[in-house]
N, C-alpha and C. Protein backbone atom coordinates (compact mmCIF):
# COMPACT_ATOMS: atom_id res chain seq x y z
N UNK A 1 -117.59 370.40 31.89
CA UNK A 1 -116.23 370.30 31.41
C UNK A 1 -115.55 369.06 31.98
N UNK A 2 -115.71 368.85 33.28
CA UNK A 2 -115.09 367.70 33.94
C UNK A 2 -115.64 366.39 33.37
N UNK A 3 -116.95 366.37 33.13
CA UNK A 3 -117.59 365.18 32.58
C UNK A 3 -117.08 364.91 31.15
N UNK A 4 -116.88 365.95 30.35
CA UNK A 4 -116.38 365.79 28.99
C UNK A 4 -114.99 365.18 29.00
N UNK A 5 -114.13 365.63 29.91
CA UNK A 5 -112.78 365.07 30.00
C UNK A 5 -112.82 363.61 30.41
N UNK A 6 -113.70 363.28 31.31
CA UNK A 6 -113.85 361.89 31.74
C UNK A 6 -114.30 361.01 30.58
N UNK A 7 -115.27 361.47 29.81
CA UNK A 7 -115.77 360.71 28.66
C UNK A 7 -114.67 360.55 27.62
N UNK A 8 -113.92 361.61 27.34
CA UNK A 8 -112.83 361.53 26.37
C UNK A 8 -111.74 360.57 26.84
N UNK A 9 -111.44 360.60 28.11
CA UNK A 9 -110.43 359.69 28.66
C UNK A 9 -110.87 358.24 28.55
N UNK A 10 -112.10 357.97 28.87
CA UNK A 10 -112.63 356.61 28.77
C UNK A 10 -112.63 356.14 27.31
N UNK A 11 -113.01 357.03 26.40
CA UNK A 11 -113.02 356.67 24.98
C UNK A 11 -111.60 356.36 24.50
N UNK A 12 -110.64 357.13 24.96
CA UNK A 12 -109.24 356.88 24.60
C UNK A 12 -108.76 355.54 25.08
N UNK A 13 -109.09 355.17 26.31
CA UNK A 13 -108.72 353.86 26.84
C UNK A 13 -109.36 352.74 26.05
N UNK A 14 -110.60 352.92 25.67
CA UNK A 14 -111.30 351.91 24.88
C UNK A 14 -110.63 351.72 23.53
N UNK A 15 -110.26 352.80 22.87
CA UNK A 15 -109.61 352.71 21.57
C UNK A 15 -108.26 352.02 21.69
N UNK A 16 -107.46 352.39 22.66
CA UNK A 16 -106.16 351.76 22.86
C UNK A 16 -106.32 350.28 23.16
N UNK A 17 -107.27 349.92 23.97
CA UNK A 17 -107.50 348.52 24.31
C UNK A 17 -107.95 347.68 23.13
N UNK A 18 -108.63 348.27 22.18
CA UNK A 18 -109.12 347.52 21.02
C UNK A 18 -108.07 347.35 19.93
N UNK A 19 -106.94 348.00 20.05
CA UNK A 19 -105.92 347.93 19.01
C UNK A 19 -105.10 346.66 19.08
N UNK A 20 -105.21 345.89 20.12
CA UNK A 20 -104.45 344.65 20.22
C UNK A 20 -103.07 344.91 20.77
N UNK A 21 -102.33 343.82 20.96
CA UNK A 21 -101.02 343.97 21.58
C UNK A 21 -99.88 343.77 20.61
N UNK A 22 -100.16 343.44 19.35
CA UNK A 22 -99.10 343.31 18.36
C UNK A 22 -98.33 342.02 18.52
N UNK A 23 -97.16 341.96 17.92
CA UNK A 23 -96.31 340.78 18.03
C UNK A 23 -96.82 339.62 17.21
N UNK A 24 -96.64 338.41 17.73
CA UNK A 24 -96.99 337.20 16.99
C UNK A 24 -98.48 337.06 16.76
N UNK A 25 -99.29 337.77 17.51
CA UNK A 25 -100.74 337.67 17.34
C UNK A 25 -101.23 338.39 16.09
N UNK A 26 -100.32 339.00 15.34
CA UNK A 26 -100.70 339.74 14.15
C UNK A 26 -100.87 338.84 12.93
N UNK A 27 -100.73 337.51 13.08
CA UNK A 27 -100.95 336.61 11.97
C UNK A 27 -102.39 336.77 11.49
N UNK A 28 -102.60 336.47 10.23
CA UNK A 28 -103.90 336.66 9.60
C UNK A 28 -104.68 335.36 9.62
N UNK A 29 -105.85 335.34 10.26
CA UNK A 29 -106.71 334.16 10.31
C UNK A 29 -108.02 334.46 9.61
N UNK A 30 -108.49 333.46 8.86
CA UNK A 30 -109.78 333.61 8.19
C UNK A 30 -110.41 332.24 8.00
N UNK A 31 -111.73 332.22 7.93
CA UNK A 31 -112.46 330.99 7.67
C UNK A 31 -112.52 330.78 6.16
N UNK A 32 -112.23 329.54 5.74
CA UNK A 32 -112.24 329.21 4.31
C UNK A 32 -113.06 327.95 4.09
N UNK A 33 -113.28 327.60 2.84
CA UNK A 33 -113.98 326.37 2.49
C UNK A 33 -112.95 325.35 2.00
N UNK A 34 -113.37 324.11 1.87
CA UNK A 34 -112.47 323.07 1.38
C UNK A 34 -111.96 323.40 -0.03
N UNK A 35 -112.76 324.10 -0.81
CA UNK A 35 -112.33 324.50 -2.16
C UNK A 35 -111.15 325.47 -2.12
N UNK A 36 -110.98 326.19 -1.02
CA UNK A 36 -109.89 327.15 -0.87
C UNK A 36 -108.60 326.51 -0.35
N UNK A 37 -108.68 325.26 0.06
CA UNK A 37 -107.55 324.56 0.67
C UNK A 37 -106.69 323.93 -0.43
N UNK A 38 -105.36 324.02 -0.32
CA UNK A 38 -104.50 323.40 -1.33
C UNK A 38 -104.78 321.90 -1.49
N UNK A 39 -104.59 321.39 -2.68
CA UNK A 39 -104.85 319.97 -2.97
C UNK A 39 -104.08 319.06 -2.03
N UNK A 40 -102.83 319.40 -1.69
CA UNK A 40 -102.03 318.56 -0.79
C UNK A 40 -102.68 318.44 0.59
N UNK A 41 -103.27 319.52 1.06
CA UNK A 41 -103.95 319.51 2.37
C UNK A 41 -105.22 318.68 2.28
N UNK A 42 -106.00 318.89 1.22
CA UNK A 42 -107.24 318.10 1.04
C UNK A 42 -106.93 316.61 0.99
N UNK A 43 -105.91 316.24 0.21
CA UNK A 43 -105.56 314.83 0.06
C UNK A 43 -105.11 314.23 1.39
N UNK A 44 -104.29 314.96 2.14
CA UNK A 44 -103.81 314.47 3.44
C UNK A 44 -104.97 314.29 4.41
N UNK A 45 -105.87 315.26 4.43
CA UNK A 45 -107.01 315.17 5.34
C UNK A 45 -107.90 313.99 4.97
N UNK A 46 -108.24 313.86 3.69
CA UNK A 46 -109.13 312.77 3.26
C UNK A 46 -108.50 311.41 3.50
N UNK A 47 -107.18 311.30 3.36
CA UNK A 47 -106.49 310.03 3.60
C UNK A 47 -106.48 309.68 5.09
N UNK A 48 -106.22 310.67 5.93
CA UNK A 48 -106.12 310.40 7.36
C UNK A 48 -107.45 310.38 8.09
N UNK A 49 -108.49 310.94 7.48
CA UNK A 49 -109.81 311.00 8.13
C UNK A 49 -110.92 310.69 7.13
N UNK A 50 -110.91 309.48 6.56
CA UNK A 50 -111.95 309.14 5.56
C UNK A 50 -113.34 309.16 6.18
N UNK A 51 -114.28 309.74 5.45
CA UNK A 51 -115.66 309.77 5.91
C UNK A 51 -115.98 310.85 6.93
N UNK A 52 -114.99 311.69 7.26
CA UNK A 52 -115.21 312.75 8.24
C UNK A 52 -116.11 313.85 7.64
N UNK A 53 -116.86 314.50 8.51
CA UNK A 53 -117.70 315.63 8.11
C UNK A 53 -117.04 316.91 8.60
N UNK A 54 -116.63 317.76 7.66
CA UNK A 54 -115.94 319.00 7.99
C UNK A 54 -116.95 320.02 8.52
N UNK A 55 -116.63 320.61 9.66
CA UNK A 55 -117.48 321.63 10.27
C UNK A 55 -116.99 323.04 9.92
N UNK A 56 -115.67 323.23 10.00
CA UNK A 56 -115.10 324.57 9.81
C UNK A 56 -113.63 324.42 9.47
N UNK A 57 -113.13 325.32 8.62
CA UNK A 57 -111.71 325.35 8.28
C UNK A 57 -111.21 326.78 8.48
N UNK A 58 -110.13 326.91 9.25
CA UNK A 58 -109.52 328.22 9.45
C UNK A 58 -108.12 328.22 8.84
N UNK A 59 -107.85 329.22 8.04
CA UNK A 59 -106.54 329.40 7.44
C UNK A 59 -105.81 330.50 8.21
N UNK A 60 -104.60 330.20 8.65
CA UNK A 60 -103.78 331.18 9.34
C UNK A 60 -102.54 331.44 8.49
N UNK A 61 -102.39 332.66 8.03
CA UNK A 61 -101.24 333.04 7.23
C UNK A 61 -100.24 333.76 8.13
N UNK A 62 -99.02 333.26 8.15
CA UNK A 62 -97.97 333.83 9.00
C UNK A 62 -97.22 334.94 8.27
N UNK A 63 -96.49 335.72 9.02
CA UNK A 63 -95.73 336.84 8.46
C UNK A 63 -94.73 336.38 7.40
N UNK A 64 -94.23 335.15 7.53
CA UNK A 64 -93.25 334.65 6.55
C UNK A 64 -93.91 334.13 5.28
N UNK A 65 -95.24 334.24 5.18
CA UNK A 65 -95.95 333.83 3.98
C UNK A 65 -96.47 332.40 4.01
N UNK A 66 -96.05 331.60 4.98
CA UNK A 66 -96.55 330.24 5.08
C UNK A 66 -97.95 330.25 5.68
N UNK A 67 -98.66 329.16 5.46
CA UNK A 67 -100.03 329.07 5.97
C UNK A 67 -100.24 327.73 6.65
N UNK A 68 -101.17 327.73 7.59
CA UNK A 68 -101.62 326.52 8.26
C UNK A 68 -103.14 326.49 8.17
N UNK A 69 -103.66 325.28 8.08
CA UNK A 69 -105.09 325.07 7.97
C UNK A 69 -105.56 324.22 9.13
N UNK A 70 -106.44 324.77 9.96
CA UNK A 70 -107.04 324.01 11.05
C UNK A 70 -108.41 323.53 10.59
N UNK A 71 -108.56 322.22 10.53
CA UNK A 71 -109.81 321.64 10.08
C UNK A 71 -110.53 321.05 11.28
N UNK A 72 -111.72 321.57 11.56
CA UNK A 72 -112.58 321.06 12.62
C UNK A 72 -113.59 320.14 11.97
N UNK A 73 -113.72 318.93 12.50
CA UNK A 73 -114.56 317.94 11.85
C UNK A 73 -115.18 316.99 12.87
N UNK A 74 -116.14 316.22 12.40
CA UNK A 74 -116.75 315.18 13.21
C UNK A 74 -116.50 313.84 12.51
N UNK A 75 -116.05 312.88 13.30
CA UNK A 75 -115.84 311.54 12.77
C UNK A 75 -116.20 310.53 13.84
N UNK A 76 -116.98 309.55 13.47
CA UNK A 76 -117.45 308.53 14.41
C UNK A 76 -118.11 309.16 15.65
N UNK A 77 -118.85 310.25 15.42
CA UNK A 77 -119.58 310.90 16.50
C UNK A 77 -118.73 311.77 17.41
N UNK A 78 -117.45 311.93 17.10
CA UNK A 78 -116.56 312.74 17.95
C UNK A 78 -116.10 314.00 17.21
N UNK A 79 -116.17 315.13 17.92
CA UNK A 79 -115.65 316.38 17.37
C UNK A 79 -114.14 316.38 17.52
N UNK A 80 -113.44 316.71 16.45
CA UNK A 80 -111.98 316.71 16.45
C UNK A 80 -111.46 317.87 15.62
N UNK A 81 -110.16 318.10 15.69
CA UNK A 81 -109.52 319.06 14.81
C UNK A 81 -108.09 318.61 14.54
N UNK A 82 -107.59 319.05 13.40
CA UNK A 82 -106.22 318.75 13.01
C UNK A 82 -105.69 319.95 12.22
N UNK A 83 -104.40 320.20 12.34
CA UNK A 83 -103.78 321.30 11.61
C UNK A 83 -102.76 320.76 10.62
N UNK A 84 -102.80 321.32 9.41
CA UNK A 84 -101.85 320.97 8.36
C UNK A 84 -101.11 322.21 7.92
N UNK A 85 -99.83 322.03 7.51
CA UNK A 85 -99.15 323.14 6.86
C UNK A 85 -99.62 323.20 5.42
N UNK A 86 -99.17 324.19 4.66
CA UNK A 86 -99.66 324.35 3.30
C UNK A 86 -99.15 323.29 2.32
N UNK A 87 -98.27 322.40 2.79
CA UNK A 87 -97.77 321.30 1.95
C UNK A 87 -98.51 319.99 2.24
N UNK A 88 -99.40 319.99 3.25
CA UNK A 88 -100.18 318.81 3.57
C UNK A 88 -99.65 318.00 4.73
N UNK A 89 -98.57 318.46 5.36
CA UNK A 89 -98.02 317.75 6.53
C UNK A 89 -98.75 318.23 7.79
N UNK A 90 -98.89 317.33 8.75
CA UNK A 90 -99.50 317.74 10.02
C UNK A 90 -98.60 318.81 10.63
N UNK A 91 -99.20 319.94 10.99
CA UNK A 91 -98.44 321.09 11.48
C UNK A 91 -98.00 320.87 12.91
N UNK A 92 -96.83 321.42 13.28
CA UNK A 92 -96.39 321.34 14.68
C UNK A 92 -97.33 322.14 15.56
N UNK A 93 -97.27 321.87 16.87
CA UNK A 93 -98.14 322.55 17.84
C UNK A 93 -98.08 324.07 17.74
N UNK A 94 -96.89 324.64 17.84
CA UNK A 94 -96.72 326.10 17.80
C UNK A 94 -95.74 326.48 16.73
N UNK A 95 -96.01 327.59 16.07
CA UNK A 95 -95.09 328.12 15.06
C UNK A 95 -94.49 329.39 15.60
N UNK A 96 -93.18 329.47 15.69
CA UNK A 96 -92.50 330.67 16.20
C UNK A 96 -92.16 331.61 15.07
């Protein structure tokens, strides 16, 4: 009986810990392809980083419906990343 209660308690703590902490971290992030990126973002990226090789693109959708695209790429042998808003402008560091 004592062992069962201990196991149930541990399982409960594990479940609570896996639920996350809520708040601003609830934004939706997903990996996308260049075909999924708005034309304005593609054009801005290609203009500012000609000849770059895209490694990964992550789309983050905020609660207000806006999105940011983080593009990880290699250019001139260097790994880099840049973030754009959904209009193609370079995104600010943090979005509140």
